[in-house]
Amino acid sequence: MRACEVCGVRRAVVLQRHTGRALCLECFREDIIARARREVERWGMIEPGDTVMLALSGGKDSYVLLDILPDVVKPSKVLGVSVIEGIPGYNREEDVRRLREVARERGVEVVVTSIREYVGYSLYEVVSRAFKRGVRHAPCTYCGISRRRIINAVARTYGATKVVTAHNLDDEAQTVVVNFLRGDIAGLLKTHPLHRPKAPGVVPRVKPLRKVYEWETAALAHLKGYPLQETECMFINMQPTLRARVRQALYEVEAERPGTLLKIMEALDEALRDLASSGGPERLGVCERCGEPTSPGRRVCKLCEILEEAGVARPIYTLRLPRTNGLIAEVEAASEAEG
């Protein structure tokens, strides 16, 4: 039995390749917490007065975020949101129920909504309509844009001041490389934790797990026994995106040189620090169709654009959210007191 190289007492259960250390479960978890806490404190991601909305998918990253957040920061209020995409065999009711149970054990109530509820069609239905019309956006495009809009809308409704997502190091490194390859400097700046839009209608997003490897969240979730979703999305291998190809290339580089992804992100954080922090409030446009914020210079937001291409000319854009939630009650009580 190999002993943990940090505590020297407990049995090692994980080999952390980027450090070369064999760690027990407790020291492995503490190492992840330390990196998340460093990111939160270094960039001021979450402050004591913040009302936090956790974006939870029910995957390994979500469970790790729920597991470690209480040890990282103590925001004034925490709520969760989970968006059901509407994919056959995926987002099963049982998976959502278990996610809510785990979150409730940590004092977090999770609001569940769906793309169908917001748009009027499930993701599967949108993609099917698009393909019949010869529109070939990758399913991940419809999913990502819809989910971001819905999560922002829910956070805004509940008075959240920060949206906390469970994006890991692999996610962030892939985004950086994709932006490089596209020559998208604005997109590159948006990956920096100091870049937070201060535009009406946009709730800033922060990512405490951005320096934690995906294999680490998978390992911790497994070792802690969290009820992970077992079914893969049916679209996972359909129309591989540039991101999918970048992901594979980065996996190969990391396998040869463990720690590469961390070095990329650390170097970029320092290189972009001054530029990311010097920008004033982001001046976003307003979509002339739905009234939601959109990129500067755009008359129609990306969501309205791709839905119209898919044959969804009149999205309903509604959310039926519970009004009895404790957080909503507090927000409403505070508003009444001020009035």
Protein backbone atom coordinates (compact mmCIF):
# COMPACT_ATOMS: atom_id res chain seq x y z
CA MET A 1 0.00 0.00 0.00
CA ARG A 2 1.48 3.34 -1.07
CA ALA A 3 1.11 6.13 1.45
CA CYS A 4 -0.08 9.62 0.54
CA GLU A 5 2.92 11.85 -0.21
CA VAL A 6 1.33 14.82 1.59
CA CYS A 7 -0.01 13.45 4.89
CA GLY A 8 2.13 10.29 4.91
CA VAL A 9 -0.62 8.47 6.78
CA ARG A 10 -3.55 7.57 4.56
CA ARG A 11 -3.48 5.31 1.52
CA ALA A 12 -2.87 7.07 -1.80
CA VAL A 13 -5.74 6.68 -4.27
CA VAL A 14 -4.76 9.17 -7.00
CA LEU A 15 -1.57 9.84 -8.96
CA GLN A 16 -1.51 13.51 -9.84
CA ARG A 17 0.57 13.46 -13.02
CA HIS A 18 1.23 17.20 -13.29
CA THR A 19 2.86 17.20 -9.82
CA GLY A 20 4.03 13.57 -9.72
CA ARG A 21 2.43 13.12 -6.29
CA ALA A 22 0.41 10.17 -5.02
CA LEU A 23 -2.44 11.52 -2.89
CA CYS A 24 -5.09 10.14 -0.57
CA LEU A 25 -8.70 11.23 -1.07
CA GLU A 26 -8.57 13.87 1.68
CA CYS A 27 -5.34 15.49 0.45
CA PHE A 28 -6.49 15.27 -3.18
CA ARG A 29 -9.71 17.10 -2.30
CA GLU A 30 -7.80 19.70 -0.27
CA ASP A 31 -5.50 20.32 -3.22
CA ILE A 32 -8.49 20.98 -5.48
CA ILE A 33 -10.04 23.26 -2.87
CA ALA A 34 -6.78 25.20 -2.54
CA ARG A 35 -6.59 25.85 -6.30
CA ALA A 36 -10.24 26.90 -6.46
CA ARG A 37 -9.84 29.17 -3.45
CA ARG A 38 -6.72 30.71 -4.99
CA GLU A 39 -8.63 31.57 -8.17
CA VAL A 40 -11.57 33.01 -6.24
CA GLU A 41 -9.37 35.18 -4.02
CA ARG A 42 -6.82 36.10 -6.70
CA TRP A 43 -9.45 37.50 -9.05
CA GLY A 44 -12.18 38.49 -6.57
CA MET A 45 -14.65 36.11 -8.15
CA ILE A 46 -17.09 35.87 -5.24
CA GLU A 47 -17.44 38.44 -2.48
CA PRO A 48 -19.24 38.23 0.88
CA GLY A 49 -22.30 40.20 -0.27
CA ASP A 50 -22.83 38.24 -3.48
CA THR A 51 -25.96 36.27 -4.24
CA VAL A 52 -24.72 33.27 -6.19
CA MET A 53 -26.45 31.19 -8.85
CA LEU A 54 -24.76 27.84 -9.48
CA ALA A 55 -25.17 26.49 -13.01
CA LEU A 56 -25.48 22.73 -12.48
CA SER A 57 -25.73 20.15 -15.25
CA GLY A 58 -25.63 17.03 -13.09
CA GLY A 59 -22.25 15.97 -14.44
CA LYS A 60 -19.01 15.37 -12.54
CA ASP A 61 -17.98 19.03 -12.54
CA SER A 62 -21.30 20.10 -11.04
CA TYR A 63 -21.00 17.65 -8.17
CA VAL A 64 -17.44 18.73 -7.44
CA LEU A 65 -18.52 22.39 -7.45
CA LEU A 66 -21.29 21.56 -4.97
CA ASP A 67 -18.83 19.53 -2.88
CA ILE A 68 -16.07 22.11 -2.51
CA LEU A 69 -17.81 25.50 -2.73
CA PRO A 70 -18.71 25.66 0.99
CA ASP A 71 -14.98 25.21 1.76
CA VAL A 72 -13.95 27.90 -0.71
CA VAL A 73 -16.27 30.83 -0.08
CA LYS A 74 -19.34 31.83 1.90
CA PRO A 75 -21.60 34.00 -0.29
CA SER A 76 -24.67 35.53 1.33
CA LYS A 77 -27.11 33.39 -0.66
CA VAL A 78 -26.77 30.39 -2.98
CA LEU A 79 -29.26 28.98 -5.47
CA GLY A 80 -28.81 26.46 -8.27
CA VAL A 81 -30.23 26.17 -11.76
CA SER A 82 -30.29 23.13 -14.02
CA VAL A 83 -31.37 23.35 -17.66
CA ILE A 84 -32.84 20.24 -19.28
CA GLU A 85 -31.81 20.26 -22.92
CA GLY A 86 -34.34 17.74 -24.14
CA ILE A 87 -32.26 14.98 -25.73
CA PRO A 88 -33.61 11.39 -25.97
CA GLY A 89 -32.04 9.21 -23.29
CA TYR A 90 -30.30 12.20 -21.70
CA ASN A 91 -31.32 14.54 -18.83
CA ARG A 92 -33.35 11.76 -17.28
CA GLU A 93 -35.74 12.71 -14.49
CA GLU A 94 -33.85 10.45 -12.10
CA ASP A 95 -30.57 12.28 -12.76
CA VAL A 96 -32.16 15.65 -12.02
CA ARG A 97 -33.82 14.30 -8.87
CA ARG A 98 -30.50 13.02 -7.51
CA LEU A 99 -28.77 16.31 -8.32
CA ARG A 100 -31.41 18.20 -6.37
CA GLU A 101 -31.08 15.83 -3.43
CA VAL A 102 -27.30 16.28 -3.22
CA ALA A 103 -27.65 20.06 -3.58
CA ARG A 104 -30.34 20.21 -0.90
CA GLU A 105 -28.04 18.35 1.50
CA ARG A 106 -25.68 21.31 1.09
CA GLY A 107 -28.43 23.85 1.61
CA VAL A 108 -28.82 24.69 -2.09
CA GLU A 109 -32.21 24.65 -3.77
CA VAL A 110 -32.06 23.92 -7.49
CA VAL A 111 -34.50 25.48 -9.94
CA VAL A 112 -35.08 23.18 -12.92
CA THR A 113 -36.11 24.55 -16.29
CA SER A 114 -35.67 23.49 -19.90
CA ILE A 115 -34.90 24.67 -23.42
CA ARG A 116 -38.39 23.56 -24.44
CA GLU A 117 -39.95 25.75 -21.75
CA TYR A 118 -37.93 28.79 -22.79
CA VAL A 119 -37.81 28.40 -26.58
CA GLY A 120 -40.93 26.35 -27.24
CA TYR A 121 -38.99 23.38 -28.62
CA SER A 122 -36.53 20.93 -27.08
CA LEU A 123 -32.93 20.88 -28.31
CA TYR A 124 -33.62 17.67 -30.23
CA GLU A 125 -36.59 19.28 -31.96
CA VAL A 126 -34.61 22.42 -32.83
CA VAL A 127 -31.73 20.39 -34.28
CA SER A 128 -34.14 18.16 -36.22
CA ARG A 129 -35.89 21.19 -37.72
CA ALA A 130 -32.55 22.74 -38.63
CA PHE A 131 -31.26 19.61 -40.36
CA LYS A 132 -34.47 19.26 -42.38
CA ARG A 133 -33.91 22.83 -43.61
CA GLY A 134 -30.30 22.06 -44.54
CA VAL A 135 -28.88 24.18 -41.71
CA ARG A 136 -25.80 22.43 -40.36
CA HIS A 137 -24.81 24.19 -37.18
CA ALA A 138 -23.38 21.68 -34.71
CA PRO A 139 -25.97 20.68 -32.06
CA CYS A 140 -23.54 22.01 -29.42
CA THR A 141 -24.02 25.50 -30.89
CA TYR A 142 -27.77 25.50 -30.25
CA CYS A 143 -27.24 23.94 -26.83
CA GLY A 144 -24.53 26.30 -25.60
CA ILE A 145 -26.17 29.52 -26.75
CA SER A 146 -29.58 28.49 -25.38
CA ARG A 147 -28.22 27.37 -22.02
CA ARG A 148 -26.22 30.57 -21.50
CA ARG A 149 -29.29 32.69 -22.24
CA ILE A 150 -31.54 30.68 -19.94
CA ILE A 151 -29.06 30.60 -17.06
CA ASN A 152 -28.57 34.37 -17.31
CA ALA A 153 -32.33 34.92 -17.38
CA VAL A 154 -32.90 32.72 -14.32
CA ALA A 155 -30.05 34.39 -12.42
CA ARG A 156 -31.42 37.83 -13.23
CA THR A 157 -34.92 36.82 -12.13
CA TYR A 158 -33.67 35.64 -8.74
CA GLY A 159 -31.50 38.67 -8.15
CA ALA A 160 -28.17 36.84 -8.41
CA THR A 161 -25.05 38.98 -8.63
CA LYS A 162 -22.81 36.17 -9.90
CA VAL A 163 -23.34 33.03 -11.95
CA VAL A 164 -20.89 30.32 -10.92
CA THR A 165 -20.19 27.70 -13.56
CA ALA A 166 -18.29 24.43 -13.19
CA HIS A 167 -16.03 24.87 -16.22
CA ASN A 168 -12.75 23.04 -15.63
CA LEU A 169 -9.18 23.60 -16.85
CA ASP A 170 -9.69 21.49 -19.98
CA ASP A 171 -12.75 23.56 -20.96
CA GLU A 172 -10.90 26.83 -20.51
CA ALA A 173 -7.74 25.77 -22.34
CA GLN A 174 -9.82 24.55 -25.28
CA THR A 175 -11.64 27.89 -25.45
CA VAL A 176 -8.34 29.77 -25.42
CA VAL A 177 -6.89 27.74 -28.29
CA VAL A 178 -10.10 27.97 -30.34
CA ASN A 179 -10.06 31.76 -29.97
CA PHE A 180 -6.40 31.86 -31.03
CA LEU A 181 -7.13 29.78 -34.11
CA ARG A 182 -10.05 32.01 -35.04
CA GLY A 183 -8.10 35.19 -34.41
CA ASP A 184 -10.79 36.23 -31.95
CA ILE A 185 -8.99 38.64 -29.60
CA ALA A 186 -12.23 39.79 -27.96
CA GLY A 187 -13.14 36.17 -27.26
CA LEU A 188 -9.69 35.58 -25.85
CA LEU A 189 -10.07 38.49 -23.43
CA LYS A 190 -13.42 37.12 -22.28
CA THR A 191 -11.65 34.01 -20.97
CA HIS A 192 -9.77 36.12 -18.41
CA PRO A 193 -11.38 36.15 -14.95
CA LEU A 194 -11.03 39.94 -14.69
CA HIS A 195 -13.20 40.41 -17.75
CA ARG A 196 -16.73 40.71 -16.39
CA PRO A 197 -19.39 42.54 -18.35
CA LYS A 198 -21.09 45.34 -16.44
CA ALA A 199 -23.90 45.66 -18.93
CA PRO A 200 -27.61 45.88 -18.06
CA GLY A 201 -29.22 42.47 -18.11
CA VAL A 202 -25.99 40.46 -17.94
CA VAL A 203 -25.05 38.64 -14.72
CA PRO A 204 -21.24 38.15 -14.52
CA ARG A 205 -20.04 34.54 -14.70
CA VAL A 206 -17.13 33.17 -12.67
CA LYS A 207 -15.34 29.82 -12.80
CA PRO A 208 -13.66 28.63 -9.58
CA LEU A 209 -12.64 25.27 -11.16
CA ARG A 210 -10.76 26.83 -14.08
CA LYS A 211 -7.40 25.52 -12.83
CA VAL A 212 -8.65 22.00 -12.02
CA TYR A 213 -8.20 19.26 -14.63
CA GLU A 214 -11.22 17.42 -15.96
CA TRP A 215 -9.71 14.08 -14.92
CA GLU A 216 -9.47 15.46 -11.39
CA THR A 217 -13.16 16.37 -11.21
CA ALA A 218 -13.98 12.92 -12.63
CA ALA A 219 -11.75 11.21 -10.07
CA LEU A 220 -13.05 13.20 -7.10
CA ALA A 221 -16.68 12.70 -8.10
CA HIS A 222 -16.08 8.96 -8.46
CA LEU A 223 -14.19 8.64 -5.16
CA LYS A 224 -16.90 10.59 -3.33
CA GLY A 225 -19.56 8.31 -4.80
CA TYR A 226 -21.66 10.97 -6.47
CA PRO A 227 -24.51 9.66 -8.68
CA LEU A 228 -23.14 10.68 -12.06
CA GLN A 229 -25.18 10.66 -15.22
CA GLU A 230 -24.22 7.53 -17.15
CA THR A 231 -25.71 8.27 -20.57
CA GLU A 232 -23.72 10.28 -23.11
CA CYS A 233 -25.38 12.94 -25.23
CA MET A 234 -26.43 11.43 -28.56
CA PHE A 235 -24.91 14.45 -30.35
CA ILE A 236 -21.44 14.04 -28.82
CA ASN A 237 -19.86 12.67 -32.00
CA MET A 238 -22.10 14.37 -34.54
CA GLN A 239 -20.43 17.07 -36.66
CA PRO A 240 -17.23 17.37 -34.62
CA THR A 241 -16.62 21.03 -33.92
CA LEU A 242 -13.28 22.83 -33.96
CA ARG A 243 -13.41 22.56 -30.16
CA ALA A 244 -13.64 18.77 -30.37
CA ARG A 245 -10.55 18.61 -32.55
CA VAL A 246 -8.68 21.02 -30.29
CA ARG A 247 -9.71 18.94 -27.27
CA GLN A 248 -8.12 15.81 -28.73
CA ALA A 249 -4.91 17.65 -29.65
CA LEU A 250 -4.58 19.11 -26.15
CA TYR A 251 -5.14 15.68 -24.57
CA GLU A 252 -2.24 14.34 -26.60
CA VAL A 253 0.06 17.21 -25.61
CA GLU A 254 -0.91 16.92 -21.94
CA ALA A 255 -0.27 13.16 -22.00
CA GLU A 256 3.27 13.78 -23.26
CA ARG A 257 3.94 16.80 -21.04
CA PRO A 258 1.77 16.75 -17.89
CA GLY A 259 1.06 20.25 -16.62
CA THR A 260 0.96 21.88 -20.06
CA LEU A 261 -2.64 23.09 -19.75
CA LEU A 262 -1.94 24.70 -16.38
CA LYS A 263 1.10 26.48 -17.79
CA ILE A 264 -0.91 27.77 -20.75
CA MET A 265 -3.60 29.24 -18.54
CA GLU A 266 -1.21 30.69 -15.97
CA ALA A 267 0.86 32.38 -18.69
CA LEU A 268 -2.23 33.77 -20.39
CA ASP A 269 -3.69 35.05 -17.14
CA GLU A 270 -0.58 37.11 -16.51
CA ALA A 271 -0.20 38.25 -20.12
CA LEU A 272 -3.78 39.52 -20.32
CA ARG A 273 -4.13 40.80 -16.76
CA ASP A 274 -3.66 44.52 -17.49
CA LEU A 275 -5.66 44.48 -20.71
CA ALA A 276 -8.56 42.57 -19.16
CA SER A 277 -8.74 44.85 -16.12
CA SER A 278 -8.39 48.14 -18.01
CA GLY A 279 -11.60 47.87 -19.99
CA GLY A 280 -14.60 49.93 -18.92
CA PRO A 281 -18.21 48.73 -18.82
CA GLU A 282 -18.99 46.61 -21.85
CA ARG A 283 -21.39 48.37 -24.21
CA LEU A 284 -23.66 45.68 -25.49
CA GLY A 285 -26.42 46.07 -28.02
CA VAL A 286 -30.06 45.11 -27.55
CA CYS A 287 -31.71 42.54 -29.78
CA GLU A 288 -34.54 44.20 -31.70
CA ARG A 289 -36.57 40.98 -31.54
CA CYS A 290 -36.30 39.72 -27.99
CA GLY A 291 -34.87 42.74 -26.12
CA GLU A 292 -32.02 40.72 -24.61
CA PRO A 293 -28.39 41.94 -24.59
CA THR A 294 -26.38 41.09 -27.67
CA SER A 295 -22.90 41.69 -29.06
CA PRO A 296 -22.00 45.27 -30.02
CA GLY A 297 -23.12 46.13 -33.55
CA ARG A 298 -25.65 43.32 -33.80
CA ARG A 299 -29.33 44.12 -34.39
CA VAL A 300 -30.40 40.52 -33.73
CA CYS A 301 -28.89 38.31 -31.03
CA LYS A 302 -27.24 35.02 -31.93
CA LEU A 303 -29.99 32.93 -30.33
CA CYS A 304 -32.75 34.59 -32.34
CA GLU A 305 -30.61 34.26 -35.46
CA ILE A 306 -29.89 30.53 -35.22
CA LEU A 307 -33.45 29.71 -34.13
CA GLU A 308 -34.85 31.53 -37.16
CA GLU A 309 -32.46 29.59 -39.39
CA ALA A 310 -33.81 26.40 -37.79
CA GLY A 311 -37.37 27.41 -38.58
CA VAL A 312 -38.28 28.66 -35.10
CA ALA A 313 -39.42 32.13 -36.10
CA ARG A 314 -41.33 32.92 -32.91
CA PRO A 315 -39.59 31.55 -29.80
CA ILE A 316 -41.74 31.98 -26.71
CA TYR A 317 -38.84 33.03 -24.44
CA THR A 318 -40.67 32.41 -21.18
CA LEU A 319 -39.66 30.88 -17.85
CA ARG A 320 -42.12 29.41 -15.37
CA LEU A 321 -40.08 29.65 -12.20
CA PRO A 322 -41.24 28.86 -8.64
CA ARG A 323 -42.19 31.97 -6.73
CA THR A 324 -42.17 30.32 -3.32
CA ASN A 325 -38.42 29.76 -3.15
CA GLY A 326 -36.81 31.15 0.00
CA LEU A 327 -34.41 33.29 -2.00
CA ILE A 328 -37.19 34.90 -4.01
CA ALA A 329 -39.09 35.57 -0.80
CA GLU A 330 -36.05 37.35 0.63
CA VAL A 331 -35.56 39.39 -2.52
CA GLU A 332 -39.21 40.41 -2.59
CA ALA A 333 -39.22 41.23 1.13
CA ALA A 334 -36.17 43.43 0.70
CA SER A 335 -37.80 45.24 -2.23
CA GLU A 336 -40.96 45.85 -0.22
CA ALA A 337 -38.93 47.17 2.71
CA GLU A 338 -37.09 49.61 0.46
CA GLY A 339 -40.35 50.71 -1.12
